[in-house]
Amino acid sequence: MKVFWTRVAYKRLEEIYGYIEKDSPANAIRWSDKLLKKLATIKDFPRAGRRVPEVDTASIRELIYGNYRIIYKIKDETAYILTIRHFKQILPLKEMEE
């Protein structure tokens, strides 16, 4: 399975990284490295994530990484990373688009 990042997801990754980096550049690097390793599991196990409760659609799933939700959509042989959100944030449904 291929993994494709949407613009929204990539922007969210940059924002979170920048926020963490303000306090500790080393922690930001560590956080993003671990997040990318977590995402690597999607290639082999795309249905490992749970369904996203807000949309309850089998093709939209999420992996949990620390306090973050990594939300992705499975379509054919591709997993689209849709967004990354902190648990305390409201999930805007517009981010569920590719």
N, C-alpha and C. Protein backbone atom coordinates (compact mmCIF):
# COMPACT_ATOMS: atom_id res chain seq x y z
N MET A 1 0.84 -1.18 0.00
CA MET A 1 0.00 0.00 0.00
C MET A 1 0.89 1.24 0.00
N LYS A 2 0.50 2.20 -0.81
CA LYS A 2 1.20 3.48 -0.84
C LYS A 2 0.60 4.41 0.21
N VAL A 3 1.42 5.32 0.71
CA VAL A 3 0.95 6.32 1.68
C VAL A 3 1.21 7.70 1.08
N PHE A 4 0.16 8.52 1.04
CA PHE A 4 0.22 9.85 0.45
C PHE A 4 -0.21 10.86 1.50
N TRP A 5 0.56 11.94 1.64
CA TRP A 5 0.21 13.01 2.58
C TRP A 5 -0.59 14.09 1.86
N THR A 6 -1.71 14.49 2.42
CA THR A 6 -2.44 15.62 1.88
C THR A 6 -1.75 16.91 2.33
N ARG A 7 -2.07 18.00 1.68
CA ARG A 7 -1.49 19.30 2.07
C ARG A 7 -1.85 19.67 3.49
N VAL A 8 -3.10 19.40 3.86
CA VAL A 8 -3.56 19.72 5.22
C VAL A 8 -2.75 18.94 6.25
N ALA A 9 -2.54 17.66 6.01
CA ALA A 9 -1.79 16.84 6.96
C ALA A 9 -0.35 17.31 7.07
N TYR A 10 0.25 17.62 5.94
CA TYR A 10 1.64 18.08 5.97
C TYR A 10 1.75 19.42 6.70
N LYS A 11 0.78 20.29 6.48
CA LYS A 11 0.77 21.59 7.17
C LYS A 11 0.62 21.39 8.68
N ARG A 12 -0.26 20.47 9.08
CA ARG A 12 -0.45 20.20 10.50
C ARG A 12 0.84 19.65 11.11
N LEU A 13 1.53 18.77 10.38
CA LEU A 13 2.80 18.22 10.86
C LEU A 13 3.80 19.34 11.09
N GLU A 14 3.90 20.26 10.14
CA GLU A 14 4.83 21.39 10.28
C GLU A 14 4.46 22.27 11.47
N GLU A 15 3.17 22.53 11.67
CA GLU A 15 2.72 23.37 12.78
C GLU A 15 3.06 22.74 14.13
N ILE A 16 2.78 21.45 14.26
CA ILE A 16 3.05 20.76 15.52
C ILE A 16 4.55 20.70 15.78
N TYR A 17 5.30 20.37 14.75
CA TYR A 17 6.75 20.32 14.86
C TYR A 17 7.30 21.69 15.32
N GLY A 18 6.82 22.75 14.68
CA GLY A 18 7.26 24.11 15.04
C GLY A 18 6.94 24.47 16.48
N TYR A 19 5.77 24.05 16.94
CA TYR A 19 5.36 24.32 18.31
C TYR A 19 6.29 23.61 19.30
N ILE A 20 6.56 22.33 19.05
CA ILE A 20 7.45 21.57 19.93
C ILE A 20 8.87 22.11 19.86
N GLU A 21 9.29 22.51 18.67
CA GLU A 21 10.66 22.99 18.45
C GLU A 21 10.97 24.26 19.24
N LYS A 22 9.95 25.08 19.49
CA LYS A 22 10.17 26.30 20.26
C LYS A 22 10.74 26.00 21.64
N ASP A 23 10.27 24.93 22.24
CA ASP A 23 10.76 24.53 23.57
C ASP A 23 12.02 23.69 23.48
N SER A 24 12.04 22.77 22.50
CA SER A 24 13.17 21.85 22.42
C SER A 24 13.32 21.29 21.00
N PRO A 25 14.31 21.78 20.26
CA PRO A 25 14.55 21.23 18.92
C PRO A 25 14.78 19.72 18.94
N ALA A 26 15.47 19.22 19.95
CA ALA A 26 15.74 17.78 20.04
C ALA A 26 14.44 16.99 20.22
N ASN A 27 13.54 17.51 21.05
CA ASN A 27 12.25 16.83 21.24
C ASN A 27 11.41 16.86 19.97
N ALA A 28 11.50 17.93 19.22
CA ALA A 28 10.75 18.03 17.97
C ALA A 28 11.22 16.96 16.98
N ILE A 29 12.52 16.80 16.89
CA ILE A 29 13.08 15.77 15.99
C ILE A 29 12.66 14.38 16.46
N ARG A 30 12.78 14.13 17.75
CA ARG A 30 12.40 12.83 18.32
C ARG A 30 10.92 12.55 18.08
N TRP A 31 10.07 13.56 18.31
CA TRP A 31 8.63 13.41 18.13
C TRP A 31 8.30 13.06 16.67
N SER A 32 8.88 13.81 15.73
CA SER A 32 8.55 13.56 14.32
C SER A 32 9.11 12.22 13.84
N ASP A 33 10.28 11.82 14.32
CA ASP A 33 10.84 10.52 13.94
C ASP A 33 9.92 9.38 14.40
N LYS A 34 9.45 9.46 15.63
CA LYS A 34 8.57 8.42 16.16
C LYS A 34 7.22 8.42 15.45
N LEU A 35 6.72 9.61 15.13
CA LEU A 35 5.46 9.70 14.41
C LEU A 35 5.58 9.05 13.03
N LEU A 36 6.67 9.30 12.34
CA LEU A 36 6.86 8.71 11.02
C LEU A 36 7.02 7.18 11.10
N LYS A 37 7.63 6.69 12.15
CA LYS A 37 7.73 5.24 12.34
C LYS A 37 6.35 4.64 12.58
N LYS A 38 5.53 5.35 13.34
CA LYS A 38 4.16 4.90 13.60
C LYS A 38 3.38 4.83 12.29
N LEU A 39 3.56 5.84 11.45
CA LEU A 39 2.86 5.88 10.17
C LEU A 39 3.33 4.79 9.21
N ALA A 40 4.54 4.33 9.37
CA ALA A 40 5.06 3.29 8.50
C ALA A 40 4.25 2.00 8.62
N THR A 41 3.58 1.80 9.75
CA THR A 41 2.77 0.59 9.92
C THR A 41 1.57 0.56 8.99
N ILE A 42 1.15 1.72 8.51
CA ILE A 42 -0.01 1.78 7.61
C ILE A 42 0.26 1.02 6.32
N LYS A 43 1.50 1.05 5.83
CA LYS A 43 1.83 0.35 4.59
C LYS A 43 1.47 -1.13 4.66
N ASP A 44 1.80 -1.76 5.77
CA ASP A 44 1.56 -3.20 5.91
C ASP A 44 0.23 -3.55 6.57
N PHE A 45 -0.24 -2.66 7.42
CA PHE A 45 -1.48 -2.93 8.16
C PHE A 45 -2.42 -1.73 8.10
N PRO A 46 -2.97 -1.43 6.92
CA PRO A 46 -3.78 -0.21 6.77
C PRO A 46 -5.04 -0.18 7.63
N ARG A 47 -5.57 -1.33 7.98
CA ARG A 47 -6.80 -1.35 8.77
C ARG A 47 -6.53 -1.49 10.27
N ALA A 48 -5.27 -1.30 10.68
CA ALA A 48 -4.91 -1.41 12.09
C ALA A 48 -5.52 -0.28 12.92
N GLY A 49 -5.69 0.87 12.32
CA GLY A 49 -6.27 2.00 13.04
C GLY A 49 -7.76 1.81 13.26
N ARG A 50 -8.29 2.48 14.28
CA ARG A 50 -9.72 2.36 14.55
C ARG A 50 -10.50 3.33 13.67
N ARG A 51 -11.79 3.09 13.55
CA ARG A 51 -12.66 4.03 12.84
C ARG A 51 -12.70 5.35 13.60
N VAL A 52 -12.81 6.44 12.86
CA VAL A 52 -12.91 7.77 13.49
C VAL A 52 -14.36 7.96 13.94
N PRO A 53 -14.60 8.11 15.24
CA PRO A 53 -15.97 8.20 15.74
C PRO A 53 -16.81 9.33 15.12
N GLU A 54 -16.18 10.44 14.81
CA GLU A 54 -16.94 11.58 14.27
C GLU A 54 -17.54 11.31 12.89
N VAL A 55 -16.94 10.39 12.14
CA VAL A 55 -17.46 10.11 10.79
C VAL A 55 -17.96 8.68 10.64
N ASP A 56 -17.49 7.75 11.45
CA ASP A 56 -17.91 6.35 11.45
C ASP A 56 -18.04 5.77 10.04
N THR A 57 -16.97 5.91 9.29
CA THR A 57 -16.88 5.34 7.95
C THR A 57 -15.70 4.37 7.95
N ALA A 58 -15.90 3.18 7.42
CA ALA A 58 -14.86 2.14 7.47
C ALA A 58 -13.56 2.56 6.80
N SER A 59 -13.63 3.43 5.82
CA SER A 59 -12.42 3.82 5.08
C SER A 59 -11.63 4.93 5.77
N ILE A 60 -12.22 5.60 6.74
CA ILE A 60 -11.51 6.67 7.47
C ILE A 60 -11.15 6.14 8.85
N ARG A 61 -9.85 6.11 9.11
CA ARG A 61 -9.33 5.48 10.32
C ARG A 61 -8.33 6.41 11.01
N GLU A 62 -7.94 6.04 12.22
CA GLU A 62 -6.96 6.84 12.94
C GLU A 62 -6.02 5.95 13.74
N LEU A 63 -4.78 6.41 13.80
CA LEU A 63 -3.78 5.82 14.69
C LEU A 63 -3.56 6.82 15.81
N ILE A 64 -3.32 6.32 16.98
CA ILE A 64 -3.06 7.18 18.12
C ILE A 64 -1.56 7.21 18.37
N TYR A 65 -1.04 8.42 18.51
CA TYR A 65 0.38 8.60 18.82
C TYR A 65 0.49 9.64 19.92
N GLY A 66 0.75 9.20 21.14
CA GLY A 66 0.79 10.11 22.27
C GLY A 66 -0.55 10.80 22.43
N ASN A 67 -0.54 12.12 22.40
CA ASN A 67 -1.77 12.90 22.52
C ASN A 67 -2.36 13.28 21.16
N TYR A 68 -1.89 12.64 20.11
CA TYR A 68 -2.31 13.02 18.76
C TYR A 68 -3.06 11.91 18.05
N ARG A 69 -3.97 12.33 17.20
CA ARG A 69 -4.74 11.44 16.34
C ARG A 69 -4.21 11.64 14.92
N ILE A 70 -3.76 10.57 14.30
CA ILE A 70 -3.31 10.61 12.92
C ILE A 70 -4.45 10.00 12.10
N ILE A 71 -5.12 10.82 11.34
CA ILE A 71 -6.32 10.39 10.64
C ILE A 71 -6.01 10.18 9.17
N TYR A 72 -6.43 9.04 8.66
CA TYR A 72 -6.14 8.70 7.27
C TYR A 72 -7.34 8.01 6.62
N LYS A 73 -7.32 8.01 5.31
CA LYS A 73 -8.39 7.40 4.52
C LYS A 73 -7.79 6.35 3.60
N ILE A 74 -8.42 5.20 3.57
CA ILE A 74 -7.98 4.13 2.68
C ILE A 74 -8.84 4.17 1.43
N LYS A 75 -8.17 4.25 0.29
CA LYS A 75 -8.89 4.27 -0.99
C LYS A 75 -8.06 3.46 -1.98
N ASP A 76 -8.64 2.39 -2.47
CA ASP A 76 -7.95 1.47 -3.36
C ASP A 76 -6.67 0.98 -2.69
N GLU A 77 -5.54 1.18 -3.31
CA GLU A 77 -4.26 0.73 -2.75
C GLU A 77 -3.44 1.87 -2.16
N THR A 78 -4.13 2.95 -1.75
CA THR A 78 -3.45 4.12 -1.19
C THR A 78 -4.09 4.53 0.13
N ALA A 79 -3.24 4.90 1.08
CA ALA A 79 -3.71 5.48 2.34
C ALA A 79 -3.36 6.97 2.29
N TYR A 80 -4.35 7.81 2.41
CA TYR A 80 -4.16 9.27 2.39
C TYR A 80 -4.15 9.78 3.83
N ILE A 81 -3.02 10.35 4.26
CA ILE A 81 -2.97 10.96 5.59
C ILE A 81 -3.75 12.27 5.48
N LEU A 82 -4.85 12.37 6.20
CA LEU A 82 -5.73 13.53 6.08
C LEU A 82 -5.36 14.65 7.03
N THR A 83 -5.05 14.31 8.28
CA THR A 83 -4.73 15.35 9.27
C THR A 83 -4.09 14.73 10.50
N ILE A 84 -3.51 15.57 11.32
CA ILE A 84 -2.99 15.18 12.63
C ILE A 84 -3.56 16.19 13.61
N ARG A 85 -4.22 15.71 14.64
CA ARG A 85 -4.87 16.60 15.60
C ARG A 85 -4.59 16.15 17.03
N HIS A 86 -4.43 17.13 17.91
CA HIS A 86 -4.33 16.85 19.33
C HIS A 86 -5.71 16.41 19.81
N PHE A 87 -5.73 15.52 20.80
CA PHE A 87 -7.01 15.02 21.32
C PHE A 87 -7.94 16.12 21.80
N LYS A 88 -7.38 17.20 22.32
CA LYS A 88 -8.22 18.27 22.87
C LYS A 88 -8.82 19.17 21.80
N GLN A 89 -8.36 19.05 20.58
CA GLN A 89 -8.87 19.89 19.50
C GLN A 89 -10.12 19.28 18.88
N ILE A 90 -11.02 20.14 18.49
CA ILE A 90 -12.18 19.69 17.74
C ILE A 90 -11.71 19.28 16.35
N LEU A 91 -12.25 18.19 15.86
CA LEU A 91 -11.86 17.69 14.55
C LEU A 91 -12.74 18.34 13.48
N PRO A 92 -12.18 19.27 12.68
CA PRO A 92 -12.98 19.87 11.62
C PRO A 92 -13.25 18.84 10.52
N LEU A 93 -14.51 18.60 10.22
CA LEU A 93 -14.85 17.58 9.24
C LEU A 93 -14.35 17.93 7.84
N LYS A 94 -14.07 19.21 7.58
CA LYS A 94 -13.54 19.58 6.28
C LYS A 94 -12.14 18.99 6.07
N GLU A 95 -11.46 18.61 7.14
CA GLU A 95 -10.14 18.00 7.01
C GLU A 95 -10.23 16.52 6.64
N MET A 96 -11.43 16.00 6.51
CA MET A 96 -11.62 14.61 6.13
C MET A 96 -11.64 14.43 4.62
N GLU A 97 -11.31 15.48 3.89
CA GLU A 97 -11.27 15.43 2.43
C GLU A 97 -9.84 15.22 1.98
N GLU A 98 -9.67 14.59 0.82
CA GLU A 98 -8.32 14.34 0.28
C GLU A 98 -7.72 15.58 -0.29
